[in-house]
Amino acid sequence: MNGANLSIWLKLAVVAMLVWSAAASLPNLLTPEQRAALPGFMPQHAMTLGLDLQGGAHLVLEVSQADVLTKAYENLEDQVRELGRSQNLGYTGLASRADGVTLTLRDPVQVTMLREELAREQVQVNLTEGNQATLTFGESFLTELQKRALAQTVQVLRSRVDQFGVAEPVIQQQGSNRVIVELPGVRDVARAKAAIGKTAQLNFHLVDETATASAGSGMVPPGKLLLQEELGGTTRPLLVERRPSLTGQMLTSAAAAFDQYGNPAVDIAFDSRGTQLFAKLSTENVGKRFAIVLDGKVYSAPVFREAILGGRAQISGAFTPEESQDLAAVLNAGALPAKVEVVEERTIGPSLGADSVNAGMVAMGMGLAAVLVFMFLFYGLFGLAANVAVLFNLTLLVAVMSAMGFTLTLPGMAGMVLTLGMAVDANVLIFERMREEVANGKKPLAAILGGFEGAFRTILDGHVTTLVAAFVMFVFGSGPVKGFAVALAIGLVVSLFTSVTLTRWMILSYYKRVRPALLPL
């Protein structure tokens, strides 16, 4: 900060920053149509309003850990069945439960082979009397399994929200089994909740017509699954093979469509492996029915009239056009690894969000006006220079946040107001130090330079310590706290630049032109 002159490069940098900040902050004052009409070289990004400012939905979803374990043990059951075929493992009574897999070994000696084959999955095999074996996962594996399920849930939810076109959603983990989903601007919360929370486990099961009568009495044969089929507003039991012939994991695309009767439906296409399996399934079962099951609900159970070789099928049912579009979006995003339940829901109406915006803008405007008047009354012309720097500080802050795609929330607005206060506080420190220099008999130029140099260390210390606090809030905070921390951090960096560099340039320019005998403080 030494010297009475700023380099030409620093002056050019300040001017360029002024021009860019004015251009980058302008889109926030325009409508979307006006922004689209801007020339191509002009910045067109504006800050997006958060949930609390434009309304929307706040959901907390809980991932069913019981469902995670159930699916894991079902997969383990399949592994044991595959070992029976590949390693000649002899067993009876193989079944999976929510807490493990049980089976009875014909030869207890084979328990050693079973332990060796399942060691990589950290499966514990306990053998009791009667050659009864119980297979369970170790604690570390279960913990890792739950972490993966939560991470996959977040990824799938993010894909689904993107399919719905929600701008600037917030999707983040909370604790070990919950996910926070914030959907700004969403009006039909019930529809969004139904689509986002849908597990979307799509399976294709062959129908067992021969055992339908016994299924109606509640007797489900081994290897079968009892479902309910809706026909004409009534339901009837439908018995299907327990193991699906195809799964939704083999899908490549899904699209809303209409069936041959003009009713909403969803067209689906399989990948190469799914196409082969579907062709084999339809060829071998011409004249038989197959059930299209989504999350345990039978949507349709058509008959294979002929072999289907193209790898395409259609899901029809009692859909509305919106439901078919939502189902297609959900299937394209993929299935959740486990069931989720909405444990908390908050809806913010657009009118309440608009009220928050208006109240926040009024508060910012009144606060800014009060600060500008205070600075001018207490520090005269130098206070006027500080006011120009504060206005530029606000413009630059909005420009940077717009360029970064920042989502503005009420806490973010509070962070902006706080940084404006920090910028004014820096100028107050500089001007008070100048007054001390004048009181000590320094000449005007020496007092100006002494004021900036003497206050710089204090200003820097104050900004750095506040930046540390903002960093801690960002790392350990969530949602609104992070927004406040980001706005505060950006504002601190910007205010340090404007209060020291821009104010110094304006005051030194004033001194060179006027050469006052006394400083107007």
Protein backbone atom coordinates (compact mmCIF):
# COMPACT_ATOMS: atom_id res chain seq x y z
CA MET A 1 0.00 0.00 0.00
CA ASN A 2 3.02 2.29 -0.19
CA GLY A 3 3.10 5.24 -2.58
CA ALA A 4 0.67 7.90 -3.62
CA ASN A 5 0.17 6.49 -7.12
CA LEU A 6 -1.64 3.41 -8.35
CA SER A 7 -0.08 1.64 -11.31
CA ILE A 8 -1.78 2.01 -14.67
CA TRP A 9 -2.41 -1.76 -14.71
CA LEU A 10 -4.22 -1.64 -11.39
CA LYS A 11 -6.36 1.24 -12.60
CA LEU A 12 -7.23 -0.68 -15.79
CA ALA A 13 -8.08 -3.73 -13.70
CA VAL A 14 -10.42 -1.68 -11.51
CA VAL A 15 -12.14 -0.13 -14.54
CA ALA A 16 -12.52 -3.57 -16.20
CA MET A 17 -13.97 -4.92 -12.98
CA LEU A 18 -16.46 -2.04 -12.83
CA VAL A 19 -17.63 -2.65 -16.40
CA TRP A 20 -17.88 -6.42 -15.96
CA SER A 21 -19.76 -6.20 -12.66
CA ALA A 22 -22.34 -3.83 -14.17
CA ALA A 23 -22.88 -6.17 -17.15
CA ALA A 24 -22.95 -9.38 -15.07
CA SER A 25 -25.39 -8.02 -12.48
CA LEU A 26 -27.77 -6.56 -15.09
CA PRO A 27 -29.61 -9.87 -15.87
CA ASN A 28 -30.94 -9.92 -12.30
CA LEU A 29 -33.01 -6.82 -13.11
CA LEU A 30 -34.47 -8.28 -16.33
CA THR A 31 -37.21 -10.77 -17.11
CA PRO A 32 -36.30 -14.12 -18.74
CA GLU A 33 -37.52 -12.79 -22.09
CA GLN A 34 -35.37 -9.68 -21.79
CA ARG A 35 -32.35 -11.76 -20.80
CA ALA A 36 -32.81 -13.95 -23.86
CA ALA A 37 -32.82 -10.83 -26.05
CA LEU A 38 -29.42 -9.64 -24.78
CA PRO A 39 -26.51 -9.72 -27.26
CA GLY A 40 -24.46 -12.91 -27.26
CA PHE A 41 -21.40 -11.25 -25.71
CA MET A 42 -23.40 -10.05 -22.70
CA PRO A 43 -23.62 -12.18 -19.54
CA GLN A 44 -27.07 -13.73 -19.23
CA HIS A 45 -26.85 -15.64 -15.96
CA ALA A 46 -28.99 -14.46 -13.08
CA MET A 47 -29.18 -15.70 -9.52
CA THR A 48 -31.84 -18.33 -8.92
CA LEU A 49 -34.21 -17.75 -6.04
CA GLY A 50 -34.14 -20.44 -3.38
CA LEU A 51 -36.99 -22.38 -1.86
CA ASP A 52 -37.76 -19.75 0.76
CA LEU A 53 -37.95 -16.96 -1.84
CA GLN A 54 -39.96 -18.51 -4.69
CA GLY A 55 -41.85 -21.27 -2.88
CA GLY A 56 -41.71 -25.00 -3.44
CA ALA A 57 -41.34 -28.21 -1.47
CA HIS A 58 -38.97 -29.33 1.27
CA LEU A 59 -38.93 -33.11 1.77
CA VAL A 60 -36.97 -35.35 4.10
CA LEU A 61 -36.85 -38.94 2.82
CA GLU A 62 -35.81 -41.90 4.94
CA VAL A 63 -34.22 -44.91 3.26
CA SER A 64 -35.64 -48.19 4.58
CA GLN A 65 -32.68 -50.04 6.07
CA ALA A 66 -34.88 -53.13 6.47
CA ASP A 67 -35.50 -53.12 2.72
CA VAL A 68 -31.76 -52.76 2.08
CA LEU A 69 -31.08 -55.85 4.19
CA THR A 70 -33.96 -57.80 2.65
CA LYS A 71 -32.65 -57.21 -0.88
CA ALA A 72 -29.09 -58.01 0.18
CA TYR A 73 -30.15 -61.35 1.66
CA GLU A 74 -32.29 -62.12 -1.41
CA ASN A 75 -29.17 -61.62 -3.53
CA LEU A 76 -27.24 -63.86 -1.13
CA GLU A 77 -29.92 -66.51 -1.56
CA ASP A 78 -29.37 -66.34 -5.33
CA GLN A 79 -25.62 -66.75 -4.80
CA VAL A 80 -26.18 -69.89 -2.72
CA ARG A 81 -28.53 -71.26 -5.37
CA GLU A 82 -25.84 -70.62 -8.02
CA LEU A 83 -23.30 -72.45 -5.82
CA GLY A 84 -25.67 -75.36 -5.73
CA ARG A 85 -25.48 -75.56 -9.51
CA SER A 86 -21.79 -74.79 -10.00
CA GLN A 87 -20.24 -76.43 -6.91
CA ASN A 88 -22.75 -79.27 -6.38
CA LEU A 89 -23.77 -77.84 -3.04
CA GLY A 90 -26.47 -80.08 -1.57
CA TYR A 91 -29.15 -78.34 0.45
CA THR A 92 -32.86 -78.14 1.21
CA GLY A 93 -35.13 -75.44 2.58
CA LEU A 94 -33.17 -72.47 1.17
CA ALA A 95 -34.91 -69.22 2.20
CA SER A 96 -33.99 -65.59 2.82
CA ARG A 97 -35.29 -63.42 5.65
CA ALA A 98 -34.71 -59.86 6.76
CA ASP A 99 -31.92 -61.01 9.12
CA GLY A 100 -30.18 -63.73 7.11
CA VAL A 101 -30.41 -66.78 4.84
CA THR A 102 -31.17 -70.26 6.15
CA LEU A 103 -30.71 -73.68 4.57
CA THR A 104 -30.18 -77.28 5.59
CA LEU A 105 -27.00 -78.92 4.26
CA ARG A 106 -27.19 -82.51 3.18
CA ASP A 107 -23.48 -82.92 3.91
CA PRO A 108 -22.18 -80.85 6.85
CA VAL A 109 -18.64 -81.11 5.44
CA GLN A 110 -19.65 -78.69 2.66
CA VAL A 111 -19.95 -75.88 5.19
CA THR A 112 -16.20 -75.29 4.71
CA MET A 113 -16.63 -74.80 0.97
CA LEU A 114 -19.60 -72.52 1.61
CA ARG A 115 -17.55 -70.34 3.96
CA GLU A 116 -14.67 -70.10 1.49
CA GLU A 117 -16.91 -69.16 -1.45
CA LEU A 118 -18.72 -66.44 0.53
CA ALA A 119 -15.71 -65.06 2.40
CA ARG A 120 -15.28 -62.16 -0.03
CA GLU A 121 -18.77 -60.87 0.83
CA GLN A 122 -17.89 -61.11 4.54
CA VAL A 123 -20.64 -63.68 5.09
CA GLN A 124 -20.65 -65.48 8.40
CA VAL A 125 -21.84 -69.12 8.21
CA ASN A 126 -23.08 -70.69 11.44
CA LEU A 127 -23.93 -74.40 11.54
CA THR A 128 -26.28 -75.73 14.24
CA GLU A 129 -27.84 -79.07 15.04
CA GLY A 130 -29.56 -80.85 12.22
CA ASN A 131 -27.10 -79.33 9.70
CA GLN A 132 -29.08 -76.07 9.80
CA ALA A 133 -26.89 -73.28 8.38
CA THR A 134 -27.54 -69.57 8.92
CA LEU A 135 -25.79 -67.03 6.69
CA THR A 136 -25.43 -63.43 7.88
CA PHE A 137 -23.36 -60.44 6.78
CA GLY A 138 -20.70 -58.95 9.05
CA GLU A 139 -21.30 -55.59 10.73
CA SER A 140 -18.70 -53.74 8.63
CA PHE A 141 -20.22 -55.07 5.41
CA LEU A 142 -23.74 -54.07 6.50
CA THR A 143 -22.53 -50.57 7.36
CA GLU A 144 -20.85 -50.23 3.96
CA LEU A 145 -23.98 -51.63 2.29
CA GLN A 146 -26.14 -48.98 3.95
CA LYS A 147 -23.71 -46.22 2.96
CA ARG A 148 -23.79 -47.37 -0.66
CA ALA A 149 -27.58 -47.53 -0.62
CA LEU A 150 -27.80 -43.96 0.70
CA ALA A 151 -25.28 -42.66 -1.86
CA GLN A 152 -27.11 -44.45 -4.68
CA THR A 153 -30.42 -43.03 -3.46
CA VAL A 154 -29.01 -39.50 -3.65
CA GLN A 155 -27.71 -40.16 -7.18
CA VAL A 156 -31.02 -41.59 -8.42
CA LEU A 157 -33.04 -38.79 -6.80
CA ARG A 158 -30.80 -36.21 -8.46
CA SER A 159 -31.38 -37.87 -11.85
CA ARG A 160 -35.14 -37.93 -11.27
CA VAL A 161 -35.27 -34.29 -10.27
CA ASP A 162 -33.26 -33.39 -13.38
CA GLN A 163 -35.81 -35.30 -15.47
CA PHE A 164 -38.55 -33.07 -14.03
CA GLY A 165 -36.60 -29.92 -14.92
CA VAL A 166 -36.52 -28.39 -11.43
CA ALA A 167 -34.08 -25.46 -11.35
CA GLU A 168 -31.38 -25.48 -8.68
CA PRO A 169 -32.68 -28.32 -6.49
CA VAL A 170 -30.98 -29.20 -3.20
CA ILE A 171 -30.37 -32.92 -2.67
CA GLN A 172 -28.06 -33.93 0.16
CA GLN A 173 -27.53 -36.63 2.74
CA GLN A 174 -28.63 -36.14 6.32
CA GLY A 175 -27.28 -38.58 8.86
CA SER A 176 -26.92 -42.26 7.98
CA ASN A 177 -30.29 -42.95 6.35
CA ARG A 178 -32.01 -39.71 5.33
CA VAL A 179 -31.95 -37.44 2.28
CA ILE A 180 -33.06 -33.80 2.13
CA VAL A 181 -34.75 -32.77 -1.13
CA GLU A 182 -35.65 -29.13 -1.80
CA LEU A 183 -37.56 -28.31 -4.99
CA PRO A 184 -37.80 -24.55 -5.58
CA GLY A 185 -40.66 -23.42 -7.78
CA VAL A 186 -42.58 -26.72 -7.66
CA ARG A 187 -46.32 -26.11 -7.43
CA ASP A 188 -47.76 -29.64 -7.57
CA VAL A 189 -46.03 -31.00 -4.49
CA ALA A 190 -48.12 -34.18 -4.31
CA ARG A 191 -47.17 -35.16 -7.85
CA ALA A 192 -43.48 -34.43 -7.26
CA LYS A 193 -43.50 -36.38 -3.99
CA ALA A 194 -45.20 -39.39 -5.60
CA ALA A 195 -42.75 -39.49 -8.50
CA ILE A 196 -39.57 -38.82 -6.54
CA GLY A 197 -40.40 -41.26 -3.75
CA LYS A 198 -41.39 -44.09 -6.08
CA THR A 199 -38.98 -47.02 -5.71
CA ALA A 200 -39.49 -47.92 -9.41
CA GLN A 201 -38.52 -51.58 -9.11
CA LEU A 202 -39.77 -52.81 -12.49
CA ASN A 203 -39.97 -56.58 -12.99
CA PHE A 204 -41.48 -58.97 -15.53
CA HIS A 205 -42.93 -62.19 -14.11
CA LEU A 206 -44.47 -65.15 -15.90
CA VAL A 207 -48.05 -65.82 -14.74
CA ASP A 208 -48.89 -69.28 -13.39
CA GLU A 209 -52.48 -69.80 -14.52
CA THR A 210 -52.61 -73.40 -13.25
CA ALA A 211 -52.30 -72.40 -9.59
CA THR A 212 -54.64 -69.39 -9.61
CA ALA A 213 -57.43 -71.24 -7.83
CA SER A 214 -55.26 -72.28 -4.90
CA ALA A 215 -53.84 -68.76 -4.74
CA GLY A 216 -57.35 -67.42 -4.24
CA SER A 217 -57.61 -69.40 -1.05
CA GLY A 218 -54.43 -67.85 0.27
CA MET A 219 -52.23 -70.91 -0.30
CA VAL A 220 -49.11 -69.76 -2.14
CA PRO A 221 -47.03 -72.62 -3.56
CA PRO A 222 -43.24 -72.57 -3.14
CA GLY A 223 -41.44 -70.43 -5.71
CA LYS A 224 -44.57 -68.37 -6.45
CA LEU A 225 -45.62 -64.84 -5.57
CA LEU A 226 -49.18 -63.68 -4.96
CA LEU A 227 -50.07 -60.29 -6.43
CA GLN A 228 -53.30 -58.43 -7.11
CA GLU A 229 -54.48 -57.61 -10.63
CA GLU A 230 -56.98 -54.82 -11.27
CA LEU A 231 -59.63 -55.46 -13.93
CA GLY A 232 -62.49 -53.08 -14.53
CA GLY A 233 -62.31 -51.56 -11.06
CA THR A 234 -62.14 -54.94 -9.30
CA THR A 235 -59.13 -56.89 -8.14
CA ARG A 236 -58.37 -60.58 -8.34
CA PRO A 237 -55.40 -62.64 -7.15
CA LEU A 238 -52.66 -63.28 -9.67
CA LEU A 239 -50.01 -65.91 -9.06
CA VAL A 240 -46.65 -65.32 -10.73
CA GLU A 241 -43.19 -66.84 -10.64
CA ARG A 242 -41.36 -65.47 -7.59
CA ARG A 243 -38.17 -64.78 -9.54
CA PRO A 244 -38.62 -62.17 -12.28
CA SER A 245 -37.70 -63.18 -15.82
CA LEU A 246 -36.48 -59.64 -16.58
CA THR A 247 -35.82 -56.57 -14.47
CA GLY A 248 -35.90 -52.83 -15.05
CA GLN A 249 -32.11 -52.74 -14.85
CA MET A 250 -32.10 -53.94 -18.48
CA LEU A 251 -34.02 -50.88 -19.73
CA THR A 252 -32.35 -48.35 -22.01
CA SER A 253 -35.23 -45.90 -22.40
CA ALA A 254 -38.82 -45.18 -21.44
CA ALA A 255 -41.20 -42.70 -23.04
CA ALA A 256 -44.80 -41.61 -22.48
CA ALA A 257 -47.09 -42.89 -25.25
CA PHE A 258 -50.63 -44.09 -25.96
CA ASP A 259 -51.85 -47.65 -26.35
CA GLN A 260 -54.01 -48.98 -29.20
CA TYR A 261 -57.13 -47.69 -27.48
CA GLY A 262 -55.79 -44.15 -27.08
CA ASN A 263 -55.11 -44.48 -23.36
CA PRO A 264 -51.88 -43.14 -21.80
CA ALA A 265 -49.10 -45.74 -21.59
CA VAL A 266 -45.31 -45.99 -21.37
CA ASP A 267 -43.16 -47.48 -24.12
CA ILE A 268 -39.96 -49.17 -22.91
CA ALA A 269 -36.91 -50.52 -24.72
CA PHE A 270 -34.39 -53.09 -23.45
CA ASP A 271 -30.63 -53.26 -23.84
CA SER A 272 -29.01 -56.05 -25.88
CA ARG A 273 -29.08 -58.57 -23.02
CA GLY A 274 -32.66 -57.66 -22.14
CA THR A 275 -33.68 -57.94 -25.79
CA GLN A 276 -32.25 -61.46 -25.99
CA LEU A 277 -33.95 -62.54 -22.76
CA PHE A 278 -37.26 -60.97 -23.78
CA ALA A 279 -37.09 -62.65 -27.18
CA LYS A 280 -36.35 -66.03 -25.57
CA LEU A 281 -39.09 -65.51 -22.97
CA SER A 282 -41.74 -64.57 -25.54
CA THR A 283 -40.71 -67.36 -27.95
CA GLU A 284 -40.95 -70.08 -25.32
CA ASN A 285 -44.21 -68.80 -23.80
CA VAL A 286 -46.48 -67.92 -26.74
CA GLY A 287 -50.06 -68.00 -25.54
CA LYS A 288 -49.07 -67.40 -21.90
CA ARG A 289 -49.42 -64.24 -19.82
CA PHE A 290 -46.64 -62.21 -18.28
CA ALA A 291 -47.12 -59.60 -15.57
CA ILE A 292 -45.50 -56.16 -15.68
CA VAL A 293 -44.96 -55.33 -12.02
CA LEU A 294 -43.82 -51.97 -10.67
CA ASP A 295 -43.15 -51.73 -6.93
CA GLY A 296 -45.25 -54.81 -6.28
CA LYS A 297 -48.25 -53.51 -8.27
CA VAL A 298 -49.41 -55.28 -11.44
CA TYR A 299 -49.86 -52.63 -14.12
CA SER A 300 -50.76 -55.05 -16.88
CA ALA A 301 -50.60 -58.77 -17.60
CA PRO A 302 -50.83 -59.22 -21.38
CA VAL A 303 -50.54 -62.46 -23.36
CA PHE A 304 -47.58 -63.29 -25.58
CA ARG A 305 -49.41 -63.50 -28.93
CA GLU A 306 -46.15 -64.06 -30.77
CA ALA A 307 -42.40 -63.90 -30.29
CA ILE A 308 -41.21 -60.33 -29.58
CA LEU A 309 -37.76 -59.92 -31.06
CA GLY A 310 -37.36 -56.12 -31.16
CA GLY A 311 -36.71 -55.62 -27.45
CA ARG A 312 -39.69 -53.32 -26.93
CA ALA A 313 -42.76 -53.50 -24.71
CA GLN A 314 -45.51 -51.26 -23.41
CA ILE A 315 -46.76 -50.64 -19.87
CA SER A 316 -50.45 -49.78 -19.89
CA GLY A 317 -52.88 -49.20 -17.06
CA ALA A 318 -55.12 -46.60 -15.46
CA PHE A 319 -52.72 -43.75 -16.21
CA THR A 320 -53.34 -40.07 -16.63
CA PRO A 321 -51.07 -38.32 -19.18
CA GLU A 322 -49.12 -36.73 -16.31
CA GLU A 323 -48.65 -40.11 -14.57
CA SER A 324 -47.34 -41.72 -17.76
CA GLN A 325 -44.84 -38.87 -18.17
CA ASP A 326 -43.75 -39.16 -14.53
CA LEU A 327 -43.39 -42.94 -14.79
CA ALA A 328 -41.26 -42.61 -17.92
CA ALA A 329 -39.04 -40.04 -16.17
CA VAL A 330 -38.67 -42.28 -13.12
CA LEU A 331 -37.78 -45.35 -15.20
CA ASN A 332 -35.22 -43.36 -17.19
CA ALA A 333 -33.58 -42.19 -13.96
CA GLY A 334 -33.38 -45.74 -12.58
CA ALA A 335 -34.75 -47.55 -9.57
CA LEU A 336 -34.00 -46.68 -5.99
CA PRO A 337 -31.93 -49.32 -4.16
CA ALA A 338 -34.57 -49.50 -1.39
CA LYS A 339 -37.91 -48.08 -0.41
CA VAL A 340 -38.01 -44.49 0.82
CA GLU A 341 -40.55 -42.84 3.07
CA VAL A 342 -41.34 -39.15 3.37
CA VAL A 343 -40.84 -38.41 7.07
CA GLU A 344 -41.02 -34.63 6.85
CA GLU A 345 -42.70 -32.32 4.38
CA ARG A 346 -42.93 -28.55 4.22
CA THR A 347 -44.58 -26.56 1.48
CA ILE A 348 -43.89 -22.88 0.91
CA GLY A 349 -46.39 -21.09 -1.28
CA PRO A 350 -45.27 -18.67 -4.00
CA SER A 351 -47.06 -15.78 -2.30
CA LEU A 352 -45.12 -16.36 0.92
CA GLY A 353 -41.89 -16.51 -1.09
CA ALA A 354 -42.77 -13.24 -2.83
CA ASP A 355 -43.45 -11.64 0.55
CA SER A 356 -40.02 -12.80 1.73
CA VAL A 357 -38.36 -11.30 -1.35
CA ASN A 358 -40.15 -7.98 -0.87
CA ALA A 359 -39.38 -7.86 2.85
CA GLY A 360 -35.74 -8.73 2.23
CA MET A 361 -35.36 -6.09 -0.50
CA VAL A 362 -37.00 -3.44 1.69
CA ALA A 363 -34.70 -4.34 4.58
CA MET A 364 -31.61 -4.22 2.35
CA GLY A 365 -32.70 -0.94 0.77
CA MET A 366 -33.43 0.76 4.10
CA GLY A 367 -30.22 -0.51 5.63
CA LEU A 368 -28.15 0.59 2.65
CA ALA A 369 -29.77 4.04 2.61
CA ALA A 370 -29.13 4.50 6.33
CA VAL A 371 -25.48 3.54 5.91
CA LEU A 372 -24.97 5.89 2.96
CA VAL A 373 -26.49 8.82 4.87
CA PHE A 374 -24.43 8.03 7.97
CA MET A 375 -21.16 7.89 6.01
CA PHE A 376 -21.84 11.18 4.23
CA LEU A 377 -22.85 13.00 7.43
CA PHE A 378 -19.87 11.76 9.46
CA TYR A 379 -17.10 11.83 6.83
CA GLY A 380 -18.20 14.36 4.21
CA LEU A 381 -16.62 14.00 0.79
CA PHE A 382 -14.56 11.02 1.90
CA GLY A 383 -17.77 9.42 3.11
CA LEU A 384 -19.22 10.01 -0.35
CA ALA A 385 -16.24 8.15 -1.86
CA ALA A 386 -16.86 5.31 0.57
CA ASN A 387 -20.51 5.24 -0.51
CA VAL A 388 -19.51 4.84 -4.16
CA ALA A 389 -17.24 1.97 -3.14
CA VAL A 390 -20.08 0.32 -1.18
CA LEU A 391 -22.43 0.55 -4.18
CA PHE A 392 -19.74 -0.93 -6.40
CA ASN A 393 -19.19 -3.59 -3.75
CA LEU A 394 -22.87 -4.57 -3.95
CA THR A 395 -22.80 -4.61 -7.76
CA LEU A 396 -19.66 -6.73 -7.85
CA LEU A 397 -21.04 -9.10 -5.22
CA VAL A 398 -24.23 -9.69 -7.24
CA ALA A 399 -22.17 -10.13 -10.42
CA VAL A 400 -19.89 -12.78 -8.90
CA MET A 401 -22.80 -14.67 -7.36
CA SER A 402 -24.67 -14.59 -10.68
CA ALA A 403 -21.64 -15.87 -12.59
CA MET A 404 -21.27 -18.72 -10.09
CA GLY A 405 -24.93 -19.73 -10.48
CA PHE A 406 -25.62 -18.94 -6.84
CA THR A 407 -29.07 -19.76 -5.44
CA LEU A 408 -30.22 -16.78 -3.40
CA THR A 409 -31.99 -17.56 -0.14
CA LEU A 410 -33.00 -15.44 2.85
CA PRO A 411 -29.80 -16.44 4.73
CA GLY A 412 -27.86 -15.54 1.58
CA MET A 413 -29.44 -12.09 1.59
CA ALA A 414 -28.44 -11.77 5.26
CA GLY A 415 -24.86 -12.65 4.29
CA MET A 416 -24.90 -9.94 1.63
CA VAL A 417 -26.13 -7.34 4.13
CA LEU A 418 -23.43 -8.38 6.59
CA THR A 419 -20.68 -7.99 3.98
CA LEU A 420 -21.92 -4.49 3.17
CA GLY A 421 -21.55 -3.70 6.85
CA MET A 422 -18.01 -5.12 6.78
CA ALA A 423 -17.17 -2.92 3.77
CA VAL A 424 -18.41 0.20 5.57
CA ASP A 425 -16.59 -0.83 8.73
CA ALA A 426 -13.32 -1.02 6.78
CA ASN A 427 -13.78 2.52 5.50
CA VAL A 428 -14.62 3.75 9.00
CA LEU A 429 -11.33 2.29 10.26
CA ILE A 430 -9.41 4.02 7.45
CA PHE A 431 -11.04 7.40 8.00
CA GLU A 432 -10.62 7.30 11.78
CA ARG A 433 -6.95 6.45 11.31
CA MET A 434 -6.65 9.47 8.97
CA ARG A 435 -8.14 11.68 11.68
CA GLU A 436 -5.54 10.37 14.12
CA GLU A 437 -2.78 11.16 11.62
CA VAL A 438 -4.13 14.70 11.18
CA ALA A 439 -4.35 15.15 14.96
CA ASN A 440 -0.68 14.11 15.17
CA GLY A 441 0.26 16.97 12.83
CA LYS A 442 0.64 15.02 9.58
CA LYS A 443 0.09 16.80 6.28
CA PRO A 444 -2.93 15.77 4.14
CA LEU A 445 -1.10 13.37 1.81
CA ALA A 446 0.83 11.77 4.64
CA ALA A 447 -2.40 11.45 6.65
CA ILE A 448 -4.16 9.76 3.69
CA LEU A 449 -1.37 7.26 3.11
CA GLY A 450 -0.94 6.72 6.86
CA GLY A 451 -4.68 6.06 7.22
CA PHE A 452 -4.73 3.33 4.55
CA GLU A 453 -1.47 1.72 5.64
CA GLY A 454 -2.24 1.87 9.35
CA ALA A 455 -5.73 0.42 9.01
CA PHE A 456 -4.89 -2.26 6.43
CA ARG A 457 -3.54 -4.74 8.98
CA THR A 458 -6.64 -4.42 11.16
CA ILE A 459 -8.97 -4.70 8.15
CA LEU A 460 -7.15 -7.79 6.87
CA ASP A 461 -7.24 -9.47 10.29
CA GLY A 462 -10.97 -8.82 10.63
CA HIS A 463 -11.75 -10.18 7.16
CA VAL A 464 -9.58 -13.28 7.56
CA THR A 465 -11.09 -14.25 10.91
CA THR A 466 -14.61 -13.82 9.49
CA LEU A 467 -13.61 -15.89 6.45
CA VAL A 468 -12.51 -18.68 8.79
CA ALA A 469 -15.91 -18.58 10.47
CA ALA A 470 -17.61 -18.69 7.04
CA PHE A 471 -15.49 -21.70 6.06
CA VAL A 472 -16.46 -23.57 9.22
CA MET A 473 -20.16 -22.82 8.60
CA PHE A 474 -19.86 -24.06 5.02
CA VAL A 475 -18.12 -27.32 5.97
CA PHE A 476 -20.30 -28.25 8.93
CA GLY A 477 -23.53 -26.45 8.06
CA SER A 478 -26.35 -27.54 5.78
CA GLY A 479 -28.71 -25.90 3.29
CA PRO A 480 -29.44 -22.33 4.44
CA VAL A 481 -26.29 -22.14 6.59
CA LYS A 482 -24.14 -23.03 3.57
CA GLY A 483 -25.90 -20.35 1.53
CA PHE A 484 -25.18 -17.76 4.21
CA ALA A 485 -21.53 -18.87 4.41
CA VAL A 486 -20.98 -18.67 0.63
CA ALA A 487 -22.56 -15.22 0.35
CA LEU A 488 -20.52 -14.02 3.32
CA ALA A 489 -17.22 -15.39 1.96
CA ILE A 490 -17.70 -13.88 -1.51
CA GLY A 491 -18.75 -10.58 0.00
CA LEU A 492 -15.71 -10.44 2.28
CA VAL A 493 -13.28 -10.87 -0.60
CA VAL A 494 -15.12 -8.28 -2.68
CA SER A 495 -15.35 -5.77 0.19
CA LEU A 496 -11.63 -6.09 0.91
CA PHE A 497 -10.93 -5.18 -2.71
CA THR A 498 -13.33 -2.25 -2.90
CA SER A 499 -12.68 -0.70 0.52
CA VAL A 500 -8.92 -0.71 0.10
CA THR A 501 -8.26 -0.36 -3.63
CA LEU A 502 -11.21 1.60 -5.04
CA THR A 503 -11.63 3.98 -2.10
CA ARG A 504 -7.89 4.68 -2.07
CA TRP A 505 -7.91 5.45 -5.80
CA MET A 506 -10.82 7.91 -5.51
CA ILE A 507 -9.38 9.72 -2.47
CA LEU A 508 -5.90 10.06 -4.01
CA SER A 509 -7.46 11.30 -7.27
CA TYR A 510 -9.36 13.92 -5.26
CA TYR A 511 -6.18 15.02 -3.46
CA LYS A 512 -4.21 15.43 -6.71
CA ARG A 513 -6.90 17.62 -8.27
CA VAL A 514 -7.84 19.77 -5.27
CA ARG A 515 -4.69 19.77 -3.10
CA PRO A 516 -6.70 20.67 0.06
CA ALA A 517 -4.93 22.22 3.01
CA LEU A 518 -7.26 20.32 5.32
CA LEU A 519 -8.84 16.93 4.74
CA PRO A 520 -12.67 17.03 4.46
CA LEU A 521 -13.26 14.54 7.27
